[in-house]
C-alpha atoms as a PDB file:
ATOM      1  CA  MET A   1     -27.454  26.368 -77.278  1.00  0.00           C
ATOM      2  CA  PRO A   2     -25.445  23.347 -77.993  1.00  0.00           C
ATOM      3  CA  SER A   3     -22.893  22.558 -74.906  1.00  0.00           C
ATOM      4  CA  ASP A   4     -20.132  22.536 -77.244  1.00  0.00           C
ATOM      5  CA  LEU A   5     -20.180  26.389 -77.431  1.00  0.00           C
ATOM      6  CA  HIS A   6     -19.946  26.933 -74.052  1.00  0.00           C
ATOM      7  CA  GLY A   7     -16.461  27.092 -72.279  1.00  0.00           C
ATOM      8  CA  ARG A   8     -15.585  25.920 -68.811  1.00  0.00           C
ATOM      9  CA  CYS A   9     -15.463  28.837 -65.847  1.00  0.00           C
ATOM     10  CA  THR A  10     -12.475  27.999 -63.729  1.00  0.00           C
ATOM     11  CA  PHE A  11     -12.074  29.424 -60.377  1.00  0.00           C
ATOM     12  CA  TYR A  12      -8.852  30.849 -59.585  1.00  0.00           C
ATOM     13  CA  LYS A  13      -7.611  33.031 -56.377  1.00  0.00           C
ATOM     14  CA  GLU A  14      -7.848  36.244 -58.767  1.00  0.00           C
ATOM     15  CA  GLY A  15     -11.505  35.488 -60.271  1.00  0.00           C
ATOM     16  CA  VAL A  16     -13.191  33.786 -62.708  1.00  0.00           C
ATOM     17  CA  MET A  17     -11.188  32.535 -66.111  1.00  0.00           C
ATOM     18  CA  LEU A  18     -12.997  30.918 -68.837  1.00  0.00           C
ATOM     19  CA  ALA A  19     -11.100  28.032 -70.566  1.00  0.00           C
ATOM     20  CA  LEU A  20     -12.133  27.210 -74.066  1.00  0.00           C
ATOM     21  CA  THR A  21     -10.856  24.544 -76.233  1.00  0.00           C
ATOM     22  CA  ARG A  22     -10.018  25.096 -79.652  1.00  0.00           C
ATOM     23  CA  ARG A  23      -8.483  23.236 -82.629  1.00  0.00           C
ATOM     24  CA  VAL A  24      -5.802  24.986 -85.322  1.00  0.00           C
ATOM     25  CA  GLY A  25      -7.209  27.336 -87.416  1.00  0.00           C
ATOM     26  CA  GLU A  26     -10.071  28.045 -85.060  1.00  0.00           C
ATOM     27  CA  GLU A  27     -10.716  31.376 -83.578  1.00  0.00           C
ATOM     28  CA  ILE A  28     -11.915  33.294 -80.314  1.00  0.00           C
ATOM     29  CA  VAL A  29     -13.521  36.656 -80.898  1.00  0.00           C
ATOM     30  CA  VAL A  30     -12.928  38.972 -78.044  1.00  0.00           C
ATOM     31  CA  GLY A  31     -15.840  41.760 -77.576  1.00  0.00           C
ATOM     32  CA  ASP A  32     -19.174  42.225 -79.446  1.00  0.00           C
ATOM     33  CA  PRO A  33     -18.926  39.393 -82.169  1.00  0.00           C
ATOM     34  CA  ARG A  34     -20.832  42.338 -84.833  1.00  0.00           C
ATOM     35  CA  ASN A  35     -17.941  44.747 -83.622  1.00  0.00           C
ATOM     36  CA  PRO A  36     -15.240  42.886 -82.239  1.00  0.00           C
ATOM     37  CA  ILE A  37     -12.191  44.437 -80.493  1.00  0.00           C
ATOM     38  CA  GLY A  38     -10.027  41.551 -81.926  1.00  0.00           C
ATOM     39  CA  VAL A  39      -9.820  37.791 -82.475  1.00  0.00           C
ATOM     40  CA  ILE A  40      -7.407  35.245 -81.532  1.00  0.00           C
ATOM     41  CA  ARG A  41      -6.621  32.078 -83.565  1.00  0.00           C
ATOM     42  CA  VAL A  42      -4.750  29.118 -82.950  1.00  0.00           C
ATOM     43  CA  VAL A  43      -2.172  28.857 -85.562  1.00  0.00           C
ATOM     44  CA  GLU A  44      -0.494  25.641 -84.815  1.00  0.00           C
ATOM     45  CA  VAL A  45       0.447  23.125 -81.767  1.00  0.00           C
ATOM     46  CA  HIS A  46       3.620  21.223 -81.416  1.00  0.00           C
ATOM     47  CA  GLY A  47       3.623  19.091 -78.227  1.00  0.00           C
ATOM     48  CA  ASP A  48       2.948  20.899 -75.318  1.00  0.00           C
ATOM     49  CA  LYS A  49       3.363  24.559 -77.286  1.00  0.00           C
ATOM     50  CA  VAL A  50       0.569  26.478 -78.819  1.00  0.00           C
ATOM     51  CA  ARG A  51       1.395  29.476 -81.423  1.00  0.00           C
ATOM     52  CA  LEU A  52      -1.515  32.124 -81.083  1.00  0.00           C
ATOM     53  CA  GLY A  53      -2.278  34.791 -83.650  1.00  0.00           C
ATOM     54  CA  PHE A  54      -3.455  37.655 -82.558  1.00  0.00           C
ATOM     55  CA  ASP A  55      -5.523  40.245 -84.761  1.00  0.00           C
ATOM     56  CA  PHE A  56      -6.219  43.527 -82.681  1.00  0.00           C
ATOM     57  CA  PRO A  57      -5.614  47.093 -83.295  1.00  0.00           C
ATOM     58  CA  LYS A  58      -2.328  48.622 -83.416  1.00  0.00           C
ATOM     59  CA  ASP A  59      -3.323  50.455 -80.296  1.00  0.00           C
ATOM     60  CA  VAL A  60      -4.014  47.678 -78.253  1.00  0.00           C
ATOM     61  CA  GLU A  61      -0.986  46.131 -76.362  1.00  0.00           C
ATOM     62  CA  ILE A  62      -0.632  42.331 -76.263  1.00  0.00           C
ATOM     63  CA  ASN A  63       2.291  41.330 -74.210  1.00  0.00           C
ATOM     64  CA  ARG A  64       3.701  37.561 -72.668  1.00  0.00           C
ATOM     65  CA  ARG A  65       2.964  37.748 -69.374  1.00  0.00           C
ATOM     66  CA  GLU A  66       6.460  37.640 -68.143  1.00  0.00           C
ATOM     67  CA  LEU A  67       7.426  40.991 -70.462  1.00  0.00           C
ATOM     68  CA  ALA A  68       4.162  42.598 -69.001  1.00  0.00           C
ATOM     69  CA  GLU A  69       5.302  42.192 -65.361  1.00  0.00           C
ATOM     70  CA  ALA A  70       8.726  43.001 -66.145  1.00  0.00           C
ATOM     71  CA  LYS A  71       7.337  46.368 -67.796  1.00  0.00           C
ATOM     72  CA  ARG A  72       5.026  46.780 -64.734  1.00  0.00           C
ATOM     73  CA  ARG A  73       7.793  45.966 -62.391  1.00  0.00           C
ATOM     74  CA  GLU A  74      10.255  47.971 -63.908  1.00  0.00           C
ATOM     75  CA  GLY A  75       8.635  50.821 -65.527  1.00  0.00           C
ATOM     76  CA  VAL A  76      10.785  49.594 -68.842  1.00  0.00           C
ATOM     77  CA  ALA A  77       9.375  49.680 -72.473  1.00  0.00           C
ATOM     78  CA  ILE A  78       8.411  46.390 -73.825  1.00  0.00           C
ATOM     79  CA  GLU A  79      10.701  47.218 -76.877  1.00  0.00           C
ATOM     80  CA  ASP A  80      13.937  47.689 -74.680  1.00  0.00           C
ATOM     81  CA  LEU A  81      13.345  44.273 -73.592  1.00  0.00           C
ATOM     82  CA  LEU A  82      12.765  42.539 -77.145  1.00  0.00           C
END
């Protein structure tokens, strides 16, 4: 398999994270490629900011880390934080 198809695994205190390099318009398929759970797409990059698009079923919650942590800590519904 060509080396450009592999990501790099980075080891963190919590475990291992797969780090991938993508360009605008490129996608990452989550789950079985024949029946994916969802797709993450790089929409745009401006300086140090990256805009991502998430195409997942409505029943899959997707939260920014700070909102997920607040929800976990406080038991607050995400809708109340937006």
